[in-house]
Amino acid sequence: MVTEEQFHFIVEEVIRRLARRMSEQRRDEIIIVVLTGATVGLVEGIQQVRSLLLDEFQVKLAFSDSAGHLFAEMVQKELNGFMNLGLMSPEKWLSSLKQASAVAVPLLSLNTASKLSLLIADDLVSNILLHALLMGKPLVMAREGADPRGKGRRALGFHKGNAALNDAMMQRLKSLEDFGCILTGIGQLSNSVRSAIQQEGPKQAHEQNPLSGCPSICLNRQVATAGDVLSAHQKGANLILGQAARMTPLARDLARQLGVALITT
């Protein structure tokens, strides 16, 4: 009978072999994955990075000083075999950030959250995160490591602060959301990154193609469907809706993904 340890070894080996086969069909999007000194959700965080790698994103790892000492070697060992994985050069962090489609933080420490909420950029990680926001890059962060209500902090015994301390921690997270950070659960990190990149594509296309330069289709019906959006996309047109018109959820999602501009008259 196969033991649990043998089973995990087989799964890991299959993933590594798949990664090598996928290396010739890599997608162009680069994701910078920043790991801070938080240890809450470390195993799940590695799984989320692996998910992005299996989705063929180009992933560049950046470690804070504490993360580098605590678990950088272990993380790189767990992700060994992926040809679309690399380490960010500290000297080239700005050029790497300019090329990136998004920044993901599977392990967000309270220290990092506090520095970013105060606009402090005095090391590699804080510079990457703050300048990602300044450049309008999607910044997706798992909140567990800095959330006083999280099960992980409770398991570590870090849940006994008074109300004022907990309120201050929550205010730090709220400031990050106000700045444009996408805070999510660790289990949803990779999906949140994919969604943010999908939404960013149509946004950039819209910025490059002003509304005035596109033809428009005027919809006379009260409900816009996914078929209407697809038709507009195929014609390279915007979709004009009346003030009382409604859109189905699928139509709205499709418009966002395809970059079809919705104009309400």
C-alpha atoms as a PDB file:
ATOM      1  CA  MET A   1       0.000   0.000   0.000  1.00  0.00           C
ATOM      2  CA  VAL A   2       1.222   3.467  -0.861  1.00  0.00           C
ATOM      3  CA  THR A   3       1.939   5.548   2.219  1.00  0.00           C
ATOM      4  CA  GLU A   4       0.795   9.152   2.535  1.00  0.00           C
ATOM      5  CA  GLU A   5       4.396  10.338   2.227  1.00  0.00           C
ATOM      6  CA  GLN A   6       4.884   8.326  -0.972  1.00  0.00           C
ATOM      7  CA  PHE A   7       1.613   9.655  -2.363  1.00  0.00           C
ATOM      8  CA  HIS A   8       2.687  13.272  -1.800  1.00  0.00           C
ATOM      9  CA  PHE A   9       6.061  12.515  -3.393  1.00  0.00           C
ATOM     10  CA  ILE A  10       4.340  11.096  -6.496  1.00  0.00           C
ATOM     11  CA  VAL A  11       2.045  14.130  -6.748  1.00  0.00           C
ATOM     12  CA  GLU A  12       4.987  16.512  -6.425  1.00  0.00           C
ATOM     13  CA  GLU A  13       6.948  14.620  -9.083  1.00  0.00           C
ATOM     14  CA  VAL A  14       4.021  14.688 -11.516  1.00  0.00           C
ATOM     15  CA  ILE A  15       3.681  18.447 -11.001  1.00  0.00           C
ATOM     16  CA  ARG A  16       7.397  18.985 -11.642  1.00  0.00           C
ATOM     17  CA  ARG A  17       7.294  16.942 -14.851  1.00  0.00           C
ATOM     18  CA  LEU A  18       4.218  18.828 -16.046  1.00  0.00           C
ATOM     19  CA  ALA A  19       6.022  22.079 -15.284  1.00  0.00           C
ATOM     20  CA  ARG A  20       8.986  21.093 -17.437  1.00  0.00           C
ATOM     21  CA  ARG A  21       6.682  20.158 -20.334  1.00  0.00           C
ATOM     22  CA  MET A  22       4.811  23.455 -20.047  1.00  0.00           C
ATOM     23  CA  SER A  23       7.971  25.546 -20.111  1.00  0.00           C
ATOM     24  CA  GLU A  24       7.893  25.835 -23.909  1.00  0.00           C
ATOM     25  CA  GLN A  25       4.301  27.151 -23.881  1.00  0.00           C
ATOM     26  CA  ARG A  26       4.615  29.856 -21.243  1.00  0.00           C
ATOM     27  CA  ARG A  27       2.312  32.863 -21.186  1.00  0.00           C
ATOM     28  CA  ASP A  28       3.735  36.359 -21.286  1.00  0.00           C
ATOM     29  CA  GLU A  29       2.298  37.747 -18.042  1.00  0.00           C
ATOM     30  CA  ILE A  30       4.793  38.227 -15.233  1.00  0.00           C
ATOM     31  CA  ILE A  31       3.658  38.050 -11.619  1.00  0.00           C
ATOM     32  CA  ILE A  32       5.912  39.221  -8.809  1.00  0.00           C
ATOM     33  CA  VAL A  33       5.262  37.139  -5.698  1.00  0.00           C
ATOM     34  CA  VAL A  34       6.377  38.889  -2.514  1.00  0.00           C
ATOM     35  CA  LEU A  35       6.866  36.826   0.625  1.00  0.00           C
ATOM     36  CA  THR A  36       7.196  38.619   3.960  1.00  0.00           C
ATOM     37  CA  GLY A  37       7.999  37.265   7.395  1.00  0.00           C
ATOM     38  CA  ALA A  38       4.445  36.146   8.189  1.00  0.00           C
ATOM     39  CA  THR A  39       4.186  32.401   8.745  1.00  0.00           C
ATOM     40  CA  VAL A  40       0.379  32.182   8.924  1.00  0.00           C
ATOM     41  CA  GLY A  41      -0.736  30.123   5.929  1.00  0.00           C
ATOM     42  CA  LEU A  42       2.760  29.268   4.678  1.00  0.00           C
ATOM     43  CA  VAL A  43       1.818  25.858   3.266  1.00  0.00           C
ATOM     44  CA  GLU A  44      -1.327  27.198   1.579  1.00  0.00           C
ATOM     45  CA  GLY A  45       0.638  30.169   0.298  1.00  0.00           C
ATOM     46  CA  ILE A  46       3.086  27.868  -1.468  1.00  0.00           C
ATOM     47  CA  GLN A  47       0.154  25.986  -2.983  1.00  0.00           C
ATOM     48  CA  GLN A  48      -1.270  29.243  -4.322  1.00  0.00           C
ATOM     49  CA  VAL A  49       2.073  30.138  -5.941  1.00  0.00           C
ATOM     50  CA  ARG A  50       2.217  26.669  -7.434  1.00  0.00           C
ATOM     51  CA  SER A  51      -1.269  27.214  -8.872  1.00  0.00           C
ATOM     52  CA  LEU A  52      -0.059  30.363 -10.667  1.00  0.00           C
ATOM     53  CA  LEU A  53       2.948  28.482 -12.003  1.00  0.00           C
ATOM     54  CA  LEU A  54       0.747  25.671 -13.291  1.00  0.00           C
ATOM     55  CA  ASP A  55      -1.346  28.317 -15.023  1.00  0.00           C
ATOM     56  CA  GLU A  56       1.880  29.197 -16.911  1.00  0.00           C
ATOM     57  CA  PHE A  57       2.412  32.664 -15.476  1.00  0.00           C
ATOM     58  CA  GLN A  58       6.015  33.834 -15.262  1.00  0.00           C
ATOM     59  CA  VAL A  59       6.612  34.113 -11.505  1.00  0.00           C
ATOM     60  CA  LYS A  60       9.424  36.078  -9.881  1.00  0.00           C
ATOM     61  CA  LEU A  61       9.945  35.624  -6.151  1.00  0.00           C
ATOM     62  CA  ALA A  62      10.988  38.444  -3.819  1.00  0.00           C
ATOM     63  CA  PHE A  63      11.694  37.763  -0.137  1.00  0.00           C
ATOM     64  CA  SER A  64      11.827  40.213   2.738  1.00  0.00           C
ATOM     65  CA  ASP A  65      14.889  39.918   4.958  1.00  0.00           C
ATOM     66  CA  SER A  66      12.958  37.974   7.600  1.00  0.00           C
ATOM     67  CA  ALA A  67      11.326  35.686   5.023  1.00  0.00           C
ATOM     68  CA  GLY A  68      14.735  35.051   3.483  1.00  0.00           C
ATOM     69  CA  HIS A  69      16.053  33.837   6.836  1.00  0.00           C
ATOM     70  CA  LEU A  70      12.939  31.923   7.853  1.00  0.00           C
ATOM     71  CA  PHE A  71      11.810  29.923   4.846  1.00  0.00           C
ATOM     72  CA  ALA A  72      13.228  31.076   1.485  1.00  0.00           C
ATOM     73  CA  GLU A  73      15.192  27.852   1.057  1.00  0.00           C
ATOM     74  CA  MET A  74      12.154  25.726   1.858  1.00  0.00           C
ATOM     75  CA  VAL A  75       9.900  27.671  -0.530  1.00  0.00           C
ATOM     76  CA  GLN A  76      12.363  27.332  -3.401  1.00  0.00           C
ATOM     77  CA  LYS A  77      12.726  23.617  -2.696  1.00  0.00           C
ATOM     78  CA  GLU A  78       8.950  23.121  -2.732  1.00  0.00           C
ATOM     79  CA  LEU A  79       8.697  24.919  -6.090  1.00  0.00           C
ATOM     80  CA  ASN A  80      11.745  23.301  -7.629  1.00  0.00           C
ATOM     81  CA  GLY A  81      11.307  22.145 -11.221  1.00  0.00           C
ATOM     82  CA  PHE A  82       9.189  24.980 -12.577  1.00  0.00           C
ATOM     83  CA  MET A  83      10.982  26.550 -15.513  1.00  0.00           C
ATOM     84  CA  ASN A  84       8.738  29.639 -15.314  1.00  0.00           C
ATOM     85  CA  LEU A  85       9.969  30.469 -11.792  1.00  0.00           C
ATOM     86  CA  GLY A  86      12.798  32.840 -10.967  1.00  0.00           C
ATOM     87  CA  LEU A  87      14.191  35.105  -8.265  1.00  0.00           C
ATOM     88  CA  MET A  88      13.913  38.860  -8.565  1.00  0.00           C
ATOM     89  CA  SER A  89      17.225  40.659  -8.701  1.00  0.00           C
ATOM     90  CA  PRO A  90      17.211  43.335  -5.954  1.00  0.00           C
ATOM     91  CA  GLU A  91      19.158  45.658  -8.255  1.00  0.00           C
ATOM     92  CA  LYS A  92      16.541  45.358 -11.001  1.00  0.00           C
ATOM     93  CA  TRP A  93      13.357  45.466  -8.957  1.00  0.00           C
ATOM     94  CA  LEU A  94      12.001  48.578 -10.675  1.00  0.00           C
ATOM     95  CA  SER A  95      12.456  47.314 -14.233  1.00  0.00           C
ATOM     96  CA  SER A  96      10.945  43.956 -13.186  1.00  0.00           C
ATOM     97  CA  LEU A  97       7.971  45.736 -11.650  1.00  0.00           C
ATOM     98  CA  LYS A  98       7.371  47.763 -14.807  1.00  0.00           C
ATOM     99  CA  GLN A  99       7.154  44.520 -16.799  1.00  0.00           C
ATOM    100  CA  ALA A 100       4.872  42.765 -14.299  1.00  0.00           C
ATOM    101  CA  SER A 101       1.147  42.305 -14.810  1.00  0.00           C
ATOM    102  CA  ALA A 102       0.461  42.023 -11.065  1.00  0.00           C
ATOM    103  CA  VAL A 103       2.016  41.652  -7.636  1.00  0.00           C
ATOM    104  CA  ALA A 104       0.837  38.945  -5.233  1.00  0.00           C
ATOM    105  CA  VAL A 105       1.543  38.668  -1.509  1.00  0.00           C
ATOM    106  CA  PRO A 106       0.596  35.240  -0.130  1.00  0.00           C
ATOM    107  CA  LEU A 107       2.210  36.002   3.238  1.00  0.00           C
ATOM    108  CA  LEU A 108       1.462  39.509   4.530  1.00  0.00           C
ATOM    109  CA  SER A 109       3.089  40.362   7.841  1.00  0.00           C
ATOM    110  CA  LEU A 110       1.727  43.001  10.191  1.00  0.00           C
ATOM    111  CA  ASN A 111       5.011  44.869   9.828  1.00  0.00           C
ATOM    112  CA  THR A 112       4.690  45.040   6.031  1.00  0.00           C
ATOM    113  CA  ALA A 113       1.016  46.007   6.203  1.00  0.00           C
ATOM    114  CA  SER A 114       1.822  48.794   8.674  1.00  0.00           C
ATOM    115  CA  LYS A 115       4.674  50.198   6.587  1.00  0.00           C
ATOM    116  CA  LEU A 116       2.623  50.224   3.391  1.00  0.00           C
ATOM    117  CA  SER A 117      -0.354  51.837   5.130  1.00  0.00           C
ATOM    118  CA  LEU A 118       1.999  54.643   6.219  1.00  0.00           C
ATOM    119  CA  LEU A 119       3.575  54.929   2.731  1.00  0.00           C
ATOM    120  CA  ILE A 120       6.980  53.831   4.039  1.00  0.00           C
ATOM    121  CA  ALA A 121       9.336  52.343   1.435  1.00  0.00           C
ATOM    122  CA  ASP A 122      12.709  51.673   3.023  1.00  0.00           C
ATOM    123  CA  ASP A 123      13.579  48.189   1.773  1.00  0.00           C
ATOM    124  CA  LEU A 124      13.089  45.927  -1.264  1.00  0.00           C
ATOM    125  CA  VAL A 125       9.645  44.597  -0.359  1.00  0.00           C
ATOM    126  CA  SER A 126       8.110  47.905   0.727  1.00  0.00           C
ATOM    127  CA  ASN A 127       9.462  49.585  -2.414  1.00  0.00           C
ATOM    128  CA  ILE A 128       7.921  46.925  -4.651  1.00  0.00           C
ATOM    129  CA  LEU A 129       4.520  47.156  -2.960  1.00  0.00           C
ATOM    130  CA  LEU A 130       4.269  50.929  -2.751  1.00  0.00           C
ATOM    131  CA  HIS A 131       5.471  51.495  -6.303  1.00  0.00           C
ATOM    132  CA  ALA A 132       3.112  48.801  -7.601  1.00  0.00           C
ATOM    133  CA  LEU A 133       0.269  50.964  -6.289  1.00  0.00           C
ATOM    134  CA  LEU A 134       1.839  54.116  -7.694  1.00  0.00           C
ATOM    135  CA  MET A 135       2.032  52.440 -11.121  1.00  0.00           C
ATOM    136  CA  GLY A 136      -1.557  51.216 -10.932  1.00  0.00           C
ATOM    137  CA  LYS A 137      -0.526  47.555 -10.882  1.00  0.00           C
ATOM    138  CA  PRO A 138      -2.957  45.057  -9.339  1.00  0.00           C
ATOM    139  CA  LEU A 139      -1.681  44.275  -5.825  1.00  0.00           C
ATOM    140  CA  VAL A 140      -3.337  41.177  -4.370  1.00  0.00           C
ATOM    141  CA  MET A 141      -2.603  40.305  -0.740  1.00  0.00           C
ATOM    142  CA  ALA A 142      -3.700  37.467   1.553  1.00  0.00           C
ATOM    143  CA  ARG A 143      -4.824  39.155   4.750  1.00  0.00           C
ATOM    144  CA  GLU A 144      -4.506  36.294   7.268  1.00  0.00           C
ATOM    145  CA  GLY A 145      -1.033  37.202   8.536  1.00  0.00           C
ATOM    146  CA  ALA A 146      -2.087  40.732   9.542  1.00  0.00           C
ATOM    147  CA  ASP A 147      -5.757  40.218  10.450  1.00  0.00           C
ATOM    148  CA  PRO A 148      -6.315  40.110  14.238  1.00  0.00           C
ATOM    149  CA  ARG A 149      -9.480  38.057  13.691  1.00  0.00           C
ATOM    150  CA  GLY A 150      -7.718  35.330  11.711  1.00  0.00           C
ATOM    151  CA  LYS A 151      -7.537  31.715  12.856  1.00  0.00           C
ATOM    152  CA  GLY A 152      -3.827  31.581  12.118  1.00  0.00           C
ATOM    153  CA  ARG A 153      -2.980  34.374  14.545  1.00  0.00           C
ATOM    154  CA  ARG A 154      -5.230  32.765  17.112  1.00  0.00           C
ATOM    155  CA  ALA A 155      -3.413  29.446  16.707  1.00  0.00           C
ATOM    156  CA  LEU A 156      -0.115  31.241  17.339  1.00  0.00           C
ATOM    157  CA  GLY A 157      -1.498  32.987  20.417  1.00  0.00           C
ATOM    158  CA  PHE A 158      -1.415  36.421  18.765  1.00  0.00           C
ATOM    159  CA  HIS A 159      -5.057  37.216  19.457  1.00  0.00           C
ATOM    160  CA  LYS A 160      -4.940  38.559  23.003  1.00  0.00           C
ATOM    161  CA  GLY A 161      -4.367  42.251  22.278  1.00  0.00           C
ATOM    162  CA  ASN A 162      -6.856  44.767  23.605  1.00  0.00           C
ATOM    163  CA  ALA A 163      -9.567  46.438  21.553  1.00  0.00           C
ATOM    164  CA  ALA A 164      -7.470  49.504  20.754  1.00  0.00           C
ATOM    165  CA  LEU A 165      -4.663  47.349  19.342  1.00  0.00           C
ATOM    166  CA  ASN A 166      -7.050  45.242  17.280  1.00  0.00           C
ATOM    167  CA  ASP A 167      -8.758  48.364  15.956  1.00  0.00           C
ATOM    168  CA  ALA A 168      -5.382  49.787  14.919  1.00  0.00           C
ATOM    169  CA  MET A 169      -4.544  46.589  13.040  1.00  0.00           C
ATOM    170  CA  MET A 170      -7.887  46.612  11.265  1.00  0.00           C
ATOM    171  CA  GLN A 171      -7.378  50.275  10.352  1.00  0.00           C
ATOM    172  CA  ARG A 172      -4.073  49.344   8.707  1.00  0.00           C
ATOM    173  CA  LEU A 173      -5.874  46.817   6.514  1.00  0.00           C
ATOM    174  CA  LYS A 174      -8.628  49.297   5.701  1.00  0.00           C
ATOM    175  CA  SER A 175      -6.006  51.837   4.599  1.00  0.00           C
ATOM    176  CA  LEU A 176      -4.534  49.247   2.239  1.00  0.00           C
ATOM    177  CA  GLU A 177      -7.951  48.652   0.689  1.00  0.00           C
ATOM    178  CA  ASP A 178      -8.468  52.412   0.383  1.00  0.00           C
ATOM    179  CA  PHE A 179      -5.138  52.624  -1.468  1.00  0.00           C
ATOM    180  CA  GLY A 180      -6.353  50.030  -3.987  1.00  0.00           C
ATOM    181  CA  CYS A 181      -4.939  46.800  -2.570  1.00  0.00           C
ATOM    182  CA  ILE A 182      -7.045  43.691  -3.138  1.00  0.00           C
ATOM    183  CA  LEU A 183      -7.233  41.856   0.200  1.00  0.00           C
ATOM    184  CA  THR A 184      -8.378  38.272  -0.023  1.00  0.00           C
ATOM    185  CA  GLY A 185      -8.270  34.967   1.792  1.00  0.00           C
ATOM    186  CA  ILE A 186      -5.173  32.868   1.247  1.00  0.00           C
ATOM    187  CA  GLY A 187      -7.227  30.134  -0.426  1.00  0.00           C
ATOM    188  CA  GLN A 188      -8.528  32.595  -3.025  1.00  0.00           C
ATOM    189  CA  LEU A 189      -5.221  34.324  -3.786  1.00  0.00           C
ATOM    190  CA  SER A 190      -4.437  32.758  -7.172  1.00  0.00           C
ATOM    191  CA  ASN A 191      -8.022  33.185  -8.405  1.00  0.00           C
ATOM    192  CA  SER A 192      -7.999  36.814  -7.263  1.00  0.00           C
ATOM    193  CA  VAL A 193      -4.756  37.415  -9.170  1.00  0.00           C
ATOM    194  CA  ARG A 194      -6.196  35.899 -12.353  1.00  0.00           C
ATOM    195  CA  SER A 195      -9.353  37.985 -12.013  1.00  0.00           C
ATOM    196  CA  ALA A 196      -7.372  41.184 -11.435  1.00  0.00           C
ATOM    197  CA  ILE A 197      -5.237  40.561 -14.529  1.00  0.00           C
ATOM    198  CA  GLN A 198      -8.321  39.831 -16.653  1.00  0.00           C
ATOM    199  CA  GLN A 199      -9.891  43.113 -15.565  1.00  0.00           C
ATOM    200  CA  GLU A 200      -6.661  45.029 -16.133  1.00  0.00           C
ATOM    201  CA  GLY A 201      -6.403  43.906 -19.777  1.00  0.00           C
ATOM    202  CA  PRO A 202      -9.639  45.550 -20.956  1.00  0.00           C
ATOM    203  CA  LYS A 203      -8.779  48.627 -18.873  1.00  0.00           C
ATOM    204  CA  GLN A 204      -5.465  49.075 -20.699  1.00  0.00           C
ATOM    205  CA  ALA A 205      -7.110  48.447 -24.054  1.00  0.00           C
ATOM    206  CA  HIS A 206      -9.718  51.062 -23.206  1.00  0.00           C
ATOM    207  CA  GLU A 207      -6.995  53.586 -22.316  1.00  0.00           C
ATOM    208  CA  GLN A 208      -5.263  52.946 -25.632  1.00  0.00           C
ATOM    209  CA  ASN A 209      -8.518  53.228 -27.625  1.00  0.00           C
ATOM    210  CA  PRO A 210     -10.609  56.229 -26.513  1.00  0.00           C
ATOM    211  CA  LEU A 211     -14.365  56.002 -26.845  1.00  0.00           C
ATOM    212  CA  SER A 212     -14.429  58.699 -29.467  1.00  0.00           C
ATOM    213  CA  GLY A 213     -12.452  56.533 -31.848  1.00  0.00           C
ATOM    214  CA  CYS A 214     -14.761  53.522 -31.670  1.00  0.00           C
ATOM    215  CA  PRO A 215     -18.085  52.847 -33.380  1.00  0.00           C
ATOM    216  CA  SER A 216     -21.082  52.424 -31.102  1.00  0.00           C
ATOM    217  CA  ILE A 217     -24.126  50.168 -31.054  1.00  0.00           C
ATOM    218  CA  CYS A 218     -27.285  51.602 -29.505  1.00  0.00           C
ATOM    219  CA  LEU A 219     -29.299  48.980 -27.629  1.00  0.00           C
ATOM    220  CA  ASN A 220     -33.020  49.696 -27.552  1.00  0.00           C
ATOM    221  CA  ARG A 221     -34.031  46.811 -25.308  1.00  0.00           C
ATOM    222  CA  GLN A 222     -34.380  47.048 -21.524  1.00  0.00           C
ATOM    223  CA  VAL A 223     -32.016  44.128 -20.811  1.00  0.00           C
ATOM    224  CA  ALA A 224     -28.532  43.715 -22.298  1.00  0.00           C
ATOM    225  CA  THR A 225     -27.387  40.125 -22.664  1.00  0.00           C
ATOM    226  CA  ALA A 226     -24.045  38.414 -23.195  1.00  0.00           C
ATOM    227  CA  GLY A 227     -25.027  38.044 -26.854  1.00  0.00           C
ATOM    228  CA  ASP A 228     -25.255  41.827 -27.194  1.00  0.00           C
ATOM    229  CA  VAL A 229     -21.803  42.229 -25.676  1.00  0.00           C
ATOM    230  CA  LEU A 230     -20.312  39.553 -27.919  1.00  0.00           C
ATOM    231  CA  SER A 231     -21.836  41.183 -30.996  1.00  0.00           C
ATOM    232  CA  ALA A 232     -20.372  44.564 -30.029  1.00  0.00           C
ATOM    233  CA  HIS A 233     -16.974  42.983 -29.436  1.00  0.00           C
ATOM    234  CA  GLN A 234     -16.983  41.296 -32.830  1.00  0.00           C
ATOM    235  CA  LYS A 235     -17.694  44.671 -34.468  1.00  0.00           C
ATOM    236  CA  GLY A 236     -15.120  46.515 -32.345  1.00  0.00           C
ATOM    237  CA  ALA A 237     -17.871  48.746 -30.996  1.00  0.00           C
ATOM    238  CA  ASN A 238     -19.007  50.277 -27.719  1.00  0.00           C
ATOM    239  CA  LEU A 239     -22.441  49.413 -26.353  1.00  0.00           C
ATOM    240  CA  ILE A 240     -24.820  52.315 -25.645  1.00  0.00           C
ATOM    241  CA  LEU A 241     -27.544  51.633 -23.061  1.00  0.00           C
ATOM    242  CA  GLY A 242     -30.573  53.634 -22.044  1.00  0.00           C
ATOM    243  CA  GLN A 243     -30.760  54.930 -18.485  1.00  0.00           C
ATOM    244  CA  ALA A 244     -33.338  52.316 -17.523  1.00  0.00           C
ATOM    245  CA  ALA A 245     -31.514  49.439 -19.198  1.00  0.00           C
ATOM    246  CA  ARG A 246     -30.188  46.569 -17.115  1.00  0.00           C
ATOM    247  CA  MET A 247     -27.419  44.062 -17.808  1.00  0.00           C
ATOM    248  CA  THR A 248     -27.318  40.413 -16.901  1.00  0.00           C
ATOM    249  CA  PRO A 249     -24.393  39.468 -14.627  1.00  0.00           C
ATOM    250  CA  LEU A 250     -22.910  37.343 -17.408  1.00  0.00           C
ATOM    251  CA  ALA A 251     -23.129  40.266 -19.850  1.00  0.00           C
ATOM    252  CA  ARG A 252     -21.338  42.591 -17.418  1.00  0.00           C
ATOM    253  CA  ASP A 253     -18.569  40.063 -16.748  1.00  0.00           C
ATOM    254  CA  LEU A 254     -18.139  39.412 -20.464  1.00  0.00           C
ATOM    255  CA  ALA A 255     -17.948  43.137 -21.228  1.00  0.00           C
ATOM    256  CA  ARG A 256     -15.208  43.512 -18.628  1.00  0.00           C
ATOM    257  CA  GLN A 257     -13.232  40.586 -20.024  1.00  0.00           C
ATOM    258  CA  LEU A 258     -13.571  41.622 -23.681  1.00  0.00           C
ATOM    259  CA  GLY A 259     -13.040  45.323 -23.077  1.00  0.00           C
ATOM    260  CA  VAL A 260     -16.419  46.409 -24.448  1.00  0.00           C
ATOM    261  CA  ALA A 261     -17.168  49.916 -23.147  1.00  0.00           C
ATOM    262  CA  LEU A 262     -20.667  50.408 -21.703  1.00  0.00           C
ATOM    263  CA  ILE A 263     -22.106  53.903 -22.199  1.00  0.00           C
ATOM    264  CA  THR A 264     -25.273  54.969 -20.396  1.00  0.00           C
ATOM    265  CA  THR A 265     -27.260  57.777 -22.013  1.00  0.00           C
END
